[in-house]
Amino acid sequence: MWTKIKDRDPDGSISTTHGSTYVSDGWESVDHLPLINSAFITANDGGVYWRSVDTSGSVKNAEYCAALMIEDIYQFGCTKVVLITCTTMKKCWSILMDEFPWISVLPCQPHVISLLLNDIG
């Protein structure tokens, strides 16, 4: 992934100037394993997949999810990230905002709409 990131932003100036968005969400693999996937998007570049974590046997609570996100953001470069879109867990947001007070945290809009439609339906 570092190679793809370096190809898109060789000297890091784009992510430093414009900032990057960190995206994380839960999925199932083709083998039905519970995964948490993450990616970084810089200057509308379509995003670069970062990693998938097999969460089998783990409790996907706010602390666990936030710890994974914090690790990713520090590896990428926390001063390059300006926005985090993630889970709808308010406690997770709180942990992330405490760790990175300069980064905005927003819910994943399609997930929020899905939840609203489920409530209505």
N, C-alpha and C. Protein backbone atom coordinates (compact mmCIF):
# COMPACT_ATOMS: atom_id res chain seq x y z
N MET A 1 0.81 -1.18 0.00
CA MET A 1 0.00 0.00 0.00
C MET A 1 0.86 1.26 0.00
N TRP A 2 2.00 1.18 0.68
CA TRP A 2 2.89 2.35 0.69
C TRP A 2 3.31 2.72 -0.73
N THR A 3 3.55 1.72 -1.58
CA THR A 3 3.95 1.98 -2.97
C THR A 3 2.85 2.73 -3.70
N LYS A 4 1.60 2.31 -3.54
CA LYS A 4 0.50 3.01 -4.20
C LYS A 4 0.35 4.43 -3.68
N ILE A 5 0.51 4.60 -2.39
CA ILE A 5 0.40 5.95 -1.80
C ILE A 5 1.53 6.82 -2.32
N LYS A 6 2.75 6.29 -2.37
CA LYS A 6 3.90 7.06 -2.87
C LYS A 6 3.73 7.39 -4.35
N ASP A 7 3.14 6.48 -5.14
CA ASP A 7 2.90 6.75 -6.56
C ASP A 7 1.93 7.90 -6.74
N ARG A 8 0.92 7.98 -5.90
CA ARG A 8 -0.10 9.03 -6.02
C ARG A 8 0.37 10.36 -5.43
N ASP A 9 1.25 10.28 -4.44
CA ASP A 9 1.68 11.48 -3.72
C ASP A 9 3.16 11.31 -3.34
N PRO A 10 4.06 11.36 -4.35
CA PRO A 10 5.46 10.99 -4.14
C PRO A 10 6.17 11.69 -2.98
N ASP A 11 5.96 12.98 -2.83
CA ASP A 11 6.67 13.70 -1.77
C ASP A 11 5.78 14.01 -0.57
N GLY A 12 4.54 13.54 -0.59
CA GLY A 12 3.62 13.76 0.52
C GLY A 12 3.01 15.15 0.54
N SER A 13 3.30 15.95 -0.48
CA SER A 13 2.82 17.34 -0.46
C SER A 13 1.31 17.45 -0.66
N ILE A 14 0.72 16.53 -1.43
CA ILE A 14 -0.74 16.61 -1.66
C ILE A 14 -1.49 16.34 -0.35
N SER A 15 -1.11 15.26 0.35
CA SER A 15 -1.81 14.96 1.60
C SER A 15 -1.50 15.99 2.68
N THR A 16 -0.31 16.56 2.64
CA THR A 16 0.03 17.60 3.62
C THR A 16 -0.74 18.89 3.33
N THR A 17 -0.86 19.25 2.06
CA THR A 17 -1.55 20.49 1.68
C THR A 17 -3.06 20.37 1.79
N HIS A 18 -3.61 19.27 1.27
CA HIS A 18 -5.07 19.12 1.19
C HIS A 18 -5.66 18.25 2.29
N GLY A 19 -4.85 17.45 2.91
CA GLY A 19 -5.34 16.55 3.93
C GLY A 19 -5.92 15.28 3.33
N SER A 20 -6.03 14.26 4.14
CA SER A 20 -6.58 12.97 3.71
C SER A 20 -7.75 12.61 4.61
N THR A 21 -8.62 11.78 4.07
CA THR A 21 -9.75 11.25 4.81
C THR A 21 -9.49 9.79 5.10
N TYR A 22 -9.68 9.40 6.34
CA TYR A 22 -9.55 8.00 6.74
C TYR A 22 -10.95 7.40 6.79
N VAL A 23 -11.11 6.25 6.14
CA VAL A 23 -12.41 5.59 6.05
C VAL A 23 -12.29 4.19 6.62
N SER A 24 -13.24 3.80 7.46
CA SER A 24 -13.23 2.46 8.05
C SER A 24 -14.66 1.94 8.14
N ASP A 25 -14.82 0.64 7.88
CA ASP A 25 -16.14 0.05 7.98
C ASP A 25 -16.00 -1.47 8.11
N GLY A 26 -17.02 -2.10 8.64
CA GLY A 26 -17.03 -3.54 8.82
C GLY A 26 -17.67 -4.25 7.64
N TRP A 27 -17.14 -5.40 7.29
CA TRP A 27 -17.64 -6.22 6.19
C TRP A 27 -17.49 -7.68 6.55
N GLU A 28 -17.96 -8.54 5.67
CA GLU A 28 -17.69 -9.98 5.76
C GLU A 28 -16.86 -10.38 4.56
N SER A 29 -15.88 -11.27 4.78
CA SER A 29 -15.09 -11.79 3.67
C SER A 29 -15.92 -12.81 2.89
N VAL A 30 -15.38 -13.28 1.77
CA VAL A 30 -16.09 -14.30 1.00
C VAL A 30 -16.22 -15.59 1.80
N ASP A 31 -15.37 -15.76 2.82
CA ASP A 31 -15.45 -16.92 3.71
C ASP A 31 -16.30 -16.63 4.94
N HIS A 32 -17.01 -15.51 4.93
CA HIS A 32 -17.88 -15.07 6.03
C HIS A 32 -17.12 -14.76 7.32
N LEU A 33 -15.88 -14.31 7.18
CA LEU A 33 -15.12 -13.85 8.34
C LEU A 33 -15.46 -12.38 8.58
N PRO A 34 -15.61 -11.96 9.84
CA PRO A 34 -15.88 -10.55 10.11
C PRO A 34 -14.60 -9.73 9.94
N LEU A 35 -14.67 -8.72 9.11
CA LEU A 35 -13.51 -7.88 8.82
C LEU A 35 -13.80 -6.42 9.13
N ILE A 36 -12.76 -5.69 9.46
CA ILE A 36 -12.82 -4.24 9.48
C ILE A 36 -11.79 -3.79 8.46
N ASN A 37 -12.27 -3.06 7.44
CA ASN A 37 -11.42 -2.57 6.35
C ASN A 37 -11.18 -1.09 6.53
N SER A 38 -10.06 -0.63 6.00
CA SER A 38 -9.77 0.80 6.08
C SER A 38 -9.09 1.27 4.80
N ALA A 39 -9.23 2.57 4.53
CA ALA A 39 -8.65 3.19 3.35
C ALA A 39 -8.37 4.66 3.65
N PHE A 40 -7.52 5.26 2.83
CA PHE A 40 -7.25 6.69 2.90
C PHE A 40 -7.57 7.30 1.55
N ILE A 41 -8.24 8.46 1.56
CA ILE A 41 -8.59 9.18 0.34
C ILE A 41 -7.92 10.55 0.42
N THR A 42 -7.20 10.89 -0.63
CA THR A 42 -6.50 12.17 -0.68
C THR A 42 -6.86 12.88 -1.97
N ALA A 43 -7.33 14.11 -1.88
CA ALA A 43 -7.61 14.95 -3.04
C ALA A 43 -8.48 14.22 -4.07
N ASN A 44 -9.52 13.55 -3.62
CA ASN A 44 -10.45 12.83 -4.49
C ASN A 44 -9.75 11.86 -5.43
N ASP A 45 -8.73 11.17 -4.92
CA ASP A 45 -7.97 10.23 -5.75
C ASP A 45 -8.61 8.85 -5.84
N GLY A 46 -9.80 8.69 -5.31
CA GLY A 46 -10.47 7.40 -5.35
C GLY A 46 -10.13 6.52 -4.16
N GLY A 47 -9.13 6.90 -3.42
CA GLY A 47 -8.77 6.18 -2.21
C GLY A 47 -7.77 5.06 -2.45
N VAL A 48 -7.07 4.75 -1.39
CA VAL A 48 -6.11 3.64 -1.38
C VAL A 48 -6.49 2.73 -0.22
N TYR A 49 -6.78 1.48 -0.56
CA TYR A 49 -7.06 0.48 0.47
C TYR A 49 -5.86 0.41 1.41
N TRP A 50 -6.13 0.36 2.71
CA TRP A 50 -5.05 0.31 3.68
C TRP A 50 -4.86 -1.10 4.21
N ARG A 51 -5.91 -1.65 4.85
CA ARG A 51 -5.80 -3.01 5.37
C ARG A 51 -7.17 -3.56 5.77
N SER A 52 -7.20 -4.87 5.99
CA SER A 52 -8.35 -5.55 6.56
C SER A 52 -7.89 -6.27 7.81
N VAL A 53 -8.70 -6.22 8.84
CA VAL A 53 -8.40 -6.91 10.09
C VAL A 53 -9.48 -7.96 10.32
N ASP A 54 -9.06 -9.20 10.48
CA ASP A 54 -9.99 -10.28 10.82
C ASP A 54 -10.34 -10.10 12.29
N THR A 55 -11.60 -9.83 12.57
CA THR A 55 -12.03 -9.57 13.95
C THR A 55 -12.67 -10.78 14.60
N SER A 56 -12.46 -11.97 14.03
CA SER A 56 -13.01 -13.19 14.62
C SER A 56 -12.55 -13.31 16.07
N GLY A 57 -13.50 -13.55 16.94
CA GLY A 57 -13.18 -13.73 18.35
C GLY A 57 -13.00 -12.43 19.13
N SER A 58 -13.09 -11.30 18.46
CA SER A 58 -12.95 -10.01 19.13
C SER A 58 -14.32 -9.36 19.28
N VAL A 59 -14.47 -8.61 20.34
CA VAL A 59 -15.70 -7.84 20.54
C VAL A 59 -15.50 -6.51 19.82
N LYS A 60 -16.34 -6.23 18.84
CA LYS A 60 -16.19 -4.99 18.07
C LYS A 60 -16.89 -3.85 18.81
N ASN A 61 -16.32 -3.49 19.94
CA ASN A 61 -16.87 -2.37 20.70
C ASN A 61 -16.13 -1.09 20.33
N ALA A 62 -16.52 0.02 20.92
CA ALA A 62 -15.95 1.32 20.58
C ALA A 62 -14.44 1.36 20.82
N GLU A 63 -14.00 0.81 21.93
CA GLU A 63 -12.57 0.84 22.27
C GLU A 63 -11.74 0.05 21.25
N TYR A 64 -12.24 -1.12 20.87
CA TYR A 64 -11.52 -1.97 19.91
C TYR A 64 -11.44 -1.29 18.54
N CYS A 65 -12.59 -0.79 18.06
CA CYS A 65 -12.62 -0.13 16.76
C CYS A 65 -11.75 1.13 16.74
N ALA A 66 -11.83 1.91 17.80
CA ALA A 66 -11.02 3.13 17.89
C ALA A 66 -9.53 2.79 17.91
N ALA A 67 -9.14 1.74 18.62
CA ALA A 67 -7.73 1.34 18.68
C ALA A 67 -7.20 0.98 17.30
N LEU A 68 -8.00 0.27 16.50
CA LEU A 68 -7.58 -0.07 15.14
C LEU A 68 -7.41 1.20 14.29
N MET A 69 -8.36 2.11 14.41
CA MET A 69 -8.31 3.35 13.65
C MET A 69 -7.12 4.21 14.05
N ILE A 70 -6.88 4.31 15.33
CA ILE A 70 -5.76 5.11 15.84
C ILE A 70 -4.44 4.55 15.31
N GLU A 71 -4.31 3.24 15.33
CA GLU A 71 -3.08 2.60 14.82
C GLU A 71 -2.88 2.94 13.33
N ASP A 72 -3.93 2.82 12.53
CA ASP A 72 -3.84 3.13 11.11
C ASP A 72 -3.43 4.59 10.88
N ILE A 73 -4.06 5.49 11.59
CA ILE A 73 -3.82 6.92 11.39
C ILE A 73 -2.39 7.29 11.77
N TYR A 74 -1.87 6.74 12.86
CA TYR A 74 -0.48 7.01 13.22
C TYR A 74 0.49 6.44 12.20
N GLN A 75 0.19 5.25 11.63
CA GLN A 75 1.07 4.68 10.61
C GLN A 75 1.08 5.53 9.35
N PHE A 76 -0.07 6.05 8.96
CA PHE A 76 -0.18 6.87 7.75
C PHE A 76 0.47 8.24 7.96
N GLY A 77 0.28 8.80 9.14
CA GLY A 77 0.78 10.13 9.45
C GLY A 77 -0.36 10.99 9.94
N CYS A 78 -0.49 11.10 11.24
CA CYS A 78 -1.67 11.74 11.82
C CYS A 78 -1.81 13.21 11.45
N THR A 79 -0.72 13.88 11.10
CA THR A 79 -0.83 15.29 10.72
C THR A 79 -1.33 15.46 9.29
N LYS A 80 -1.42 14.37 8.54
CA LYS A 80 -1.92 14.43 7.16
C LYS A 80 -3.43 14.17 7.09
N VAL A 81 -4.03 13.73 8.19
CA VAL A 81 -5.45 13.35 8.19
C VAL A 81 -6.28 14.51 8.74
N VAL A 82 -7.33 14.87 7.99
CA VAL A 82 -8.21 15.96 8.41
C VAL A 82 -9.63 15.50 8.71
N LEU A 83 -9.97 14.28 8.25
CA LEU A 83 -11.34 13.79 8.42
C LEU A 83 -11.32 12.28 8.62
N ILE A 84 -12.17 11.80 9.51
CA ILE A 84 -12.37 10.38 9.72
C ILE A 84 -13.84 10.10 9.49
N THR A 85 -14.14 9.17 8.58
CA THR A 85 -15.52 8.69 8.46
C THR A 85 -15.52 7.25 8.91
N CYS A 86 -16.43 6.94 9.79
CA CYS A 86 -16.38 5.62 10.40
C CYS A 86 -17.75 5.21 10.92
N THR A 87 -17.69 4.30 11.79
CA THR A 87 -18.86 3.72 12.44
C THR A 87 -19.78 4.79 13.05
N THR A 88 -20.97 4.39 13.35
CA THR A 88 -21.92 5.32 13.97
C THR A 88 -21.86 5.28 15.49
N MET A 89 -20.84 4.60 16.05
CA MET A 89 -20.71 4.52 17.52
C MET A 89 -20.21 5.85 18.09
N LYS A 90 -21.05 6.52 18.84
CA LYS A 90 -20.67 7.82 19.41
C LYS A 90 -19.46 7.70 20.34
N LYS A 91 -19.37 6.61 21.09
CA LYS A 91 -18.24 6.44 22.01
C LYS A 91 -16.94 6.34 21.23
N CYS A 92 -16.97 5.66 20.09
CA CYS A 92 -15.79 5.55 19.24
C CYS A 92 -15.37 6.94 18.76
N TRP A 93 -16.35 7.74 18.33
CA TRP A 93 -16.06 9.10 17.90
C TRP A 93 -15.36 9.87 19.00
N SER A 94 -15.87 9.74 20.22
CA SER A 94 -15.32 10.46 21.36
C SER A 94 -13.85 10.09 21.59
N ILE A 95 -13.56 8.81 21.51
CA ILE A 95 -12.17 8.34 21.69
C ILE A 95 -11.27 8.93 20.61
N LEU A 96 -11.75 8.91 19.36
CA LEU A 96 -10.96 9.45 18.26
C LEU A 96 -10.75 10.96 18.39
N MET A 97 -11.79 11.68 18.80
CA MET A 97 -11.66 13.13 18.96
C MET A 97 -10.75 13.50 20.12
N ASP A 98 -10.71 12.67 21.17
CA ASP A 98 -9.78 12.90 22.27
C ASP A 98 -8.34 12.69 21.81
N GLU A 99 -8.12 11.66 20.99
CA GLU A 99 -6.78 11.35 20.50
C GLU A 99 -6.30 12.35 19.45
N PHE A 100 -7.22 12.78 18.59
CA PHE A 100 -6.89 13.68 17.48
C PHE A 100 -7.84 14.88 17.47
N PRO A 101 -7.65 15.85 18.36
CA PRO A 101 -8.61 16.97 18.44
C PRO A 101 -8.67 17.83 17.19
N TRP A 102 -7.67 17.78 16.32
CA TRP A 102 -7.65 18.59 15.10
C TRP A 102 -8.35 17.89 13.93
N ILE A 103 -8.76 16.64 14.09
CA ILE A 103 -9.40 15.88 13.02
C ILE A 103 -10.91 15.85 13.24
N SER A 104 -11.67 16.12 12.17
CA SER A 104 -13.13 16.03 12.24
C SER A 104 -13.54 14.57 12.08
N VAL A 105 -14.57 14.17 12.80
CA VAL A 105 -15.09 12.80 12.73
C VAL A 105 -16.55 12.86 12.30
N LEU A 106 -16.87 12.13 11.24
CA LEU A 106 -18.24 12.08 10.72
C LEU A 106 -18.67 10.64 10.54
N PRO A 107 -19.99 10.40 10.62
CA PRO A 107 -20.46 9.04 10.35
C PRO A 107 -20.43 8.76 8.85
N CYS A 108 -20.44 7.51 8.52
CA CYS A 108 -20.56 7.08 7.13
C CYS A 108 -21.99 7.38 6.68
N GLN A 109 -22.18 8.34 5.77
CA GLN A 109 -23.52 8.77 5.39
C GLN A 109 -24.38 7.63 4.82
N PRO A 110 -23.87 6.77 3.94
CA PRO A 110 -24.73 5.67 3.47
C PRO A 110 -25.19 4.76 4.62
N HIS A 111 -24.34 4.55 5.61
CA HIS A 111 -24.72 3.72 6.75
C HIS A 111 -25.84 4.39 7.55
N VAL A 112 -25.72 5.69 7.74
CA VAL A 112 -26.76 6.42 8.49
C VAL A 112 -28.09 6.33 7.75
N ILE A 113 -28.08 6.50 6.43
CA ILE A 113 -29.31 6.42 5.65
C ILE A 113 -29.91 5.03 5.74
N SER A 114 -29.05 4.01 5.66
CA SER A 114 -29.51 2.63 5.78
C SER A 114 -30.19 2.40 7.12
N LEU A 115 -29.59 2.89 8.21
CA LEU A 115 -30.18 2.75 9.53
C LEU A 115 -31.53 3.46 9.62
N LEU A 116 -31.61 4.67 9.06
CA LEU A 116 -32.87 5.41 9.07
C LEU A 116 -33.95 4.66 8.30
N LEU A 117 -33.59 4.15 7.13
CA LEU A 117 -34.59 3.41 6.33
C LEU A 117 -35.03 2.14 7.02
N ASN A 118 -34.11 1.47 7.73
CA ASN A 118 -34.49 0.29 8.50
C ASN A 118 -35.47 0.66 9.62
N ASP A 119 -35.24 1.79 10.27
CA ASP A 119 -36.15 2.24 11.32
C ASP A 119 -37.52 2.58 10.75
N ILE A 120 -37.55 3.23 9.60
CA ILE A 120 -38.82 3.60 8.98
C ILE A 120 -39.56 2.36 8.50
N GLY A 121 -38.81 1.42 7.90
CA GLY A 121 -39.43 0.22 7.32
C GLY A 121 -39.82 -0.74 8.39
